[in-house]
C-alpha atoms as a PDB file:
ATOM      1  CA  UNK A   1      92.172  85.876  66.813  1.00  0.00           C
ATOM      2  CA  UNK A   2      93.899  89.129  67.323  1.00  0.00           C
ATOM      3  CA  UNK A   3      96.291  89.777  70.167  1.00  0.00           C
ATOM      4  CA  UNK A   4      95.525  92.683  72.515  1.00  0.00           C
ATOM      5  CA  UNK A   5      97.463  95.684  71.522  1.00  0.00           C
ATOM      6  CA  UNK A   6      99.046  97.921  74.188  1.00  0.00           C
ATOM      7  CA  UNK A   7      97.408 101.203  74.824  1.00  0.00           C
ATOM      8  CA  UNK A   8      99.452 104.381  75.119  1.00  0.00           C
ATOM      9  CA  UNK A   9      98.591 104.426  78.613  1.00  0.00           C
ATOM     10  CA  UNK A  10     100.469 101.308  79.322  1.00  0.00           C
ATOM     11  CA  UNK A  11     103.757 101.980  80.984  1.00  0.00           C
ATOM     12  CA  UNK A  12     106.139 100.267  83.365  1.00  0.00           C
ATOM     13  CA  UNK A  13     104.983 102.491  86.281  1.00  0.00           C
ATOM     14  CA  UNK A  14     101.376 102.471  85.092  1.00  0.00           C
ATOM     15  CA  UNK A  15     100.399 100.000  88.174  1.00  0.00           C
ATOM     16  CA  UNK A  16     101.575 102.078  90.812  1.00  0.00           C
ATOM     17  CA  UNK A  17     100.052 105.355  89.143  1.00  0.00           C
ATOM     18  CA  UNK A  18      96.641 103.669  88.545  1.00  0.00           C
ATOM     19  CA  UNK A  19      96.674 102.436  91.991  1.00  0.00           C
ATOM     20  CA  UNK A  20      97.495 105.957  93.246  1.00  0.00           C
ATOM     21  CA  UNK A  21      94.756 107.525  91.147  1.00  0.00           C
ATOM     22  CA  UNK A  22      92.181 104.981  92.232  1.00  0.00           C
ATOM     23  CA  UNK A  23      92.747 105.988  95.965  1.00  0.00           C
ATOM     24  CA  UNK A  24      92.760 109.589  95.179  1.00  0.00           C
ATOM     25  CA  UNK A  25      89.184 109.018  93.403  1.00  0.00           C
ATOM     26  CA  UNK A  26      88.219 107.242  96.327  1.00  0.00           C
ATOM     27  CA  UNK A  27      89.137 110.006  98.748  1.00  0.00           C
ATOM     28  CA  UNK A  28      87.117 112.488  96.338  1.00  0.00           C
ATOM     29  CA  UNK A  29      84.084 110.553  97.186  1.00  0.00           C
ATOM     30  CA  UNK A  30      84.816 109.646 100.858  1.00  0.00           C
ATOM     31  CA  UNK A  31      85.899 113.070 102.131  1.00  0.00           C
ATOM     32  CA  UNK A  32      82.649 114.834 101.218  1.00  0.00           C
ATOM     33  CA  UNK A  33      80.484 112.009 102.602  1.00  0.00           C
ATOM     34  CA  UNK A  34      82.468 112.274 106.208  1.00  0.00           C
ATOM     35  CA  UNK A  35      81.962 116.154 105.880  1.00  0.00           C
ATOM     36  CA  UNK A  36      78.070 115.744 105.424  1.00  0.00           C
ATOM     37  CA  UNK A  37      78.167 113.014 107.965  1.00  0.00           C
ATOM     38  CA  UNK A  38      79.763 115.589 110.583  1.00  0.00           C
ATOM     39  CA  UNK A  39      77.262 118.332 109.750  1.00  0.00           C
ATOM     40  CA  UNK A  40      78.997 120.293 107.023  1.00  0.00           C
ATOM     41  CA  UNK A  41      76.761 122.018 104.467  1.00  0.00           C
ATOM     42  CA  UNK A  42      75.968 120.458 101.197  1.00  0.00           C
ATOM     43  CA  UNK A  43      77.694 123.250  99.274  1.00  0.00           C
ATOM     44  CA  UNK A  44      80.870 122.994 101.359  1.00  0.00           C
ATOM     45  CA  UNK A  45      81.111 119.240 100.737  1.00  0.00           C
ATOM     46  CA  UNK A  46      80.445 119.703  96.928  1.00  0.00           C
ATOM     47  CA  UNK A  47      83.049 122.512  96.952  1.00  0.00           C
ATOM     48  CA  UNK A  48      85.501 120.076  98.661  1.00  0.00           C
ATOM     49  CA  UNK A  49      84.684 117.367  96.312  1.00  0.00           C
ATOM     50  CA  UNK A  50      85.317 119.607  93.233  1.00  0.00           C
ATOM     51  CA  UNK A  51      88.621 120.817  94.636  1.00  0.00           C
ATOM     52  CA  UNK A  52      89.837 117.354  95.483  1.00  0.00           C
ATOM     53  CA  UNK A  53      88.802 116.237  91.944  1.00  0.00           C
ATOM     54  CA  UNK A  54      90.860 119.127  90.344  1.00  0.00           C
ATOM     55  CA  UNK A  55      93.977 118.411  92.335  1.00  0.00           C
ATOM     56  CA  UNK A  56      93.491 114.674  91.573  1.00  0.00           C
ATOM     57  CA  UNK A  57      93.299 115.586  87.823  1.00  0.00           C
ATOM     58  CA  UNK A  58      96.307 117.823  87.948  1.00  0.00           C
ATOM     59  CA  UNK A  59      98.410 115.242  89.787  1.00  0.00           C
ATOM     60  CA  UNK A  60      97.516 112.664  87.331  1.00  0.00           C
ATOM     61  CA  UNK A  61      98.543 114.743  84.476  1.00  0.00           C
ATOM     62  CA  UNK A  62     101.830 115.538  85.963  1.00  0.00           C
ATOM     63  CA  UNK A  63     102.481 111.732  87.019  1.00  0.00           C
ATOM     64  CA  UNK A  64     101.663 110.773  83.297  1.00  0.00           C
ATOM     65  CA  UNK A  65     103.863 113.468  81.863  1.00  0.00           C
ATOM     66  CA  UNK A  66     106.863 112.496  84.231  1.00  0.00           C
ATOM     67  CA  UNK A  67     106.314 108.741  83.254  1.00  0.00           C
ATOM     68  CA  UNK A  68     106.604 109.680  79.533  1.00  0.00           C
ATOM     69  CA  UNK A  69     109.734 111.855  80.280  1.00  0.00           C
ATOM     70  CA  UNK A  70     111.327 109.012  82.151  1.00  0.00           C
ATOM     71  CA  UNK A  71     110.617 106.522  79.586  1.00  0.00           C
ATOM     72  CA  UNK A  72     111.916 108.939  76.854  1.00  0.00           C
ATOM     73  CA  UNK A  73     115.061 109.442  78.990  1.00  0.00           C
ATOM     74  CA  UNK A  74     115.652 105.789  79.315  1.00  0.00           C
ATOM     75  CA  UNK A  75     115.034 105.120  75.678  1.00  0.00           C
ATOM     76  CA  UNK A  76     117.716 107.762  74.835  1.00  0.00           C
ATOM     77  CA  UNK A  77     120.131 106.160  77.360  1.00  0.00           C
ATOM     78  CA  UNK A  78     119.490 102.781  75.908  1.00  0.00           C
ATOM     79  CA  UNK A  79     119.923 104.206  72.141  1.00  0.00           C
ATOM     80  CA  UNK A  80     123.428 105.307  72.987  1.00  0.00           C
ATOM     81  CA  UNK A  81     124.557 101.796  73.179  1.00  0.00           C
ATOM     82  CA  UNK A  82     126.159  99.960  76.064  1.00  0.00           C
ATOM     83  CA  UNK A  83     129.586 100.575  75.130  1.00  0.00           C
ATOM     84  CA  UNK A  84     129.099 104.419  74.422  1.00  0.00           C
ATOM     85  CA  UNK A  85     130.783 106.793  76.997  1.00  0.00           C
ATOM     86  CA  UNK A  86     128.337 108.573  78.856  1.00  0.00           C
ATOM     87  CA  UNK A  87     128.848 112.548  78.818  1.00  0.00           C
ATOM     88  CA  UNK A  88     127.846 114.412  81.820  1.00  0.00           C
ATOM     89  CA  UNK A  89     125.463 117.147  81.478  1.00  0.00           C
ATOM     90  CA  UNK A  90     126.766 120.740  81.363  1.00  0.00           C
ATOM     91  CA  UNK A  91     125.856 123.098  84.087  1.00  0.00           C
ATOM     92  CA  UNK A  92     123.124 125.589  83.041  1.00  0.00           C
ATOM     93  CA  UNK A  93     124.280 128.982  82.152  1.00  0.00           C
ATOM     94  CA  UNK A  94     124.384 131.471  85.036  1.00  0.00           C
ATOM     95  CA  UNK A  95     124.703 128.941  87.570  1.00  0.00           C
ATOM     96  CA  UNK A  96     127.968 128.305  89.473  1.00  0.00           C
ATOM     97  CA  UNK A  97     129.154 124.888  90.650  1.00  0.00           C
ATOM     98  CA  UNK A  98     129.868 124.210  94.224  1.00  0.00           C
ATOM     99  CA  UNK A  99     133.675 124.481  94.788  1.00  0.00           C
ATOM    100  CA  UNK A 100     134.349 121.296  96.603  1.00  0.00           C
ATOM    101  CA  UNK A 101     132.759 118.715  98.917  1.00  0.00           C
ATOM    102  CA  UNK A 102     134.526 119.924 102.087  1.00  0.00           C
ATOM    103  CA  UNK A 103     134.174 123.606 101.682  1.00  0.00           C
ATOM    104  CA  UNK A 104     132.077 125.695 104.162  1.00  0.00           C
ATOM    105  CA  UNK A 105     129.956 128.612 103.205  1.00  0.00           C
ATOM    106  CA  UNK A 106     129.278 131.126 105.871  1.00  0.00           C
ATOM    107  CA  UNK A 107     127.390 130.239 109.213  1.00  0.00           C
ATOM    108  CA  UNK A 108     128.331 130.121 112.626  1.00  0.00           C
ATOM    109  CA  UNK A 109     131.346 128.345 113.575  1.00  0.00           C
ATOM    110  CA  UNK A 110     132.740 127.606 117.092  1.00  0.00           C
ATOM    111  CA  UNK A 111     136.311 128.831 117.750  1.00  0.00           C
ATOM    112  CA  UNK A 112     137.553 125.111 118.179  1.00  0.00           C
ATOM    113  CA  UNK A 113     136.885 121.771 119.009  1.00  0.00           C
ATOM    114  CA  UNK A 114     137.038 122.351 122.879  1.00  0.00           C
ATOM    115  CA  UNK A 115     133.655 121.982 124.841  1.00  0.00           C
ATOM    116  CA  UNK A 116     131.756 125.219 125.741  1.00  0.00           C
ATOM    117  CA  UNK A 117     131.473 126.028 129.357  1.00  0.00           C
END
């Protein structure tokens, strides 16, 4: 007997993603049916189905990519070791950090804390 091997698609968040994709596929079928039921043209319903299928496919690709990136990031974090100090990420070149938590930048401010009127 051979044990089942995990596929590359098997991820920790795969259940939620698969559930979401199933609902999206269901809507790709349901929406055109409802459109036809309410009198839309066959061409319009078919175009809607194709558009929804394209959006669903792109969303599926983006979800899978973000899962792979998150898995890679967590693997890198685990590879650093539990006692290794974490080094904060340096800011990107050309971007300024905020000067402080309590600083105010522009905007309208009243003259004081006295009620108006």
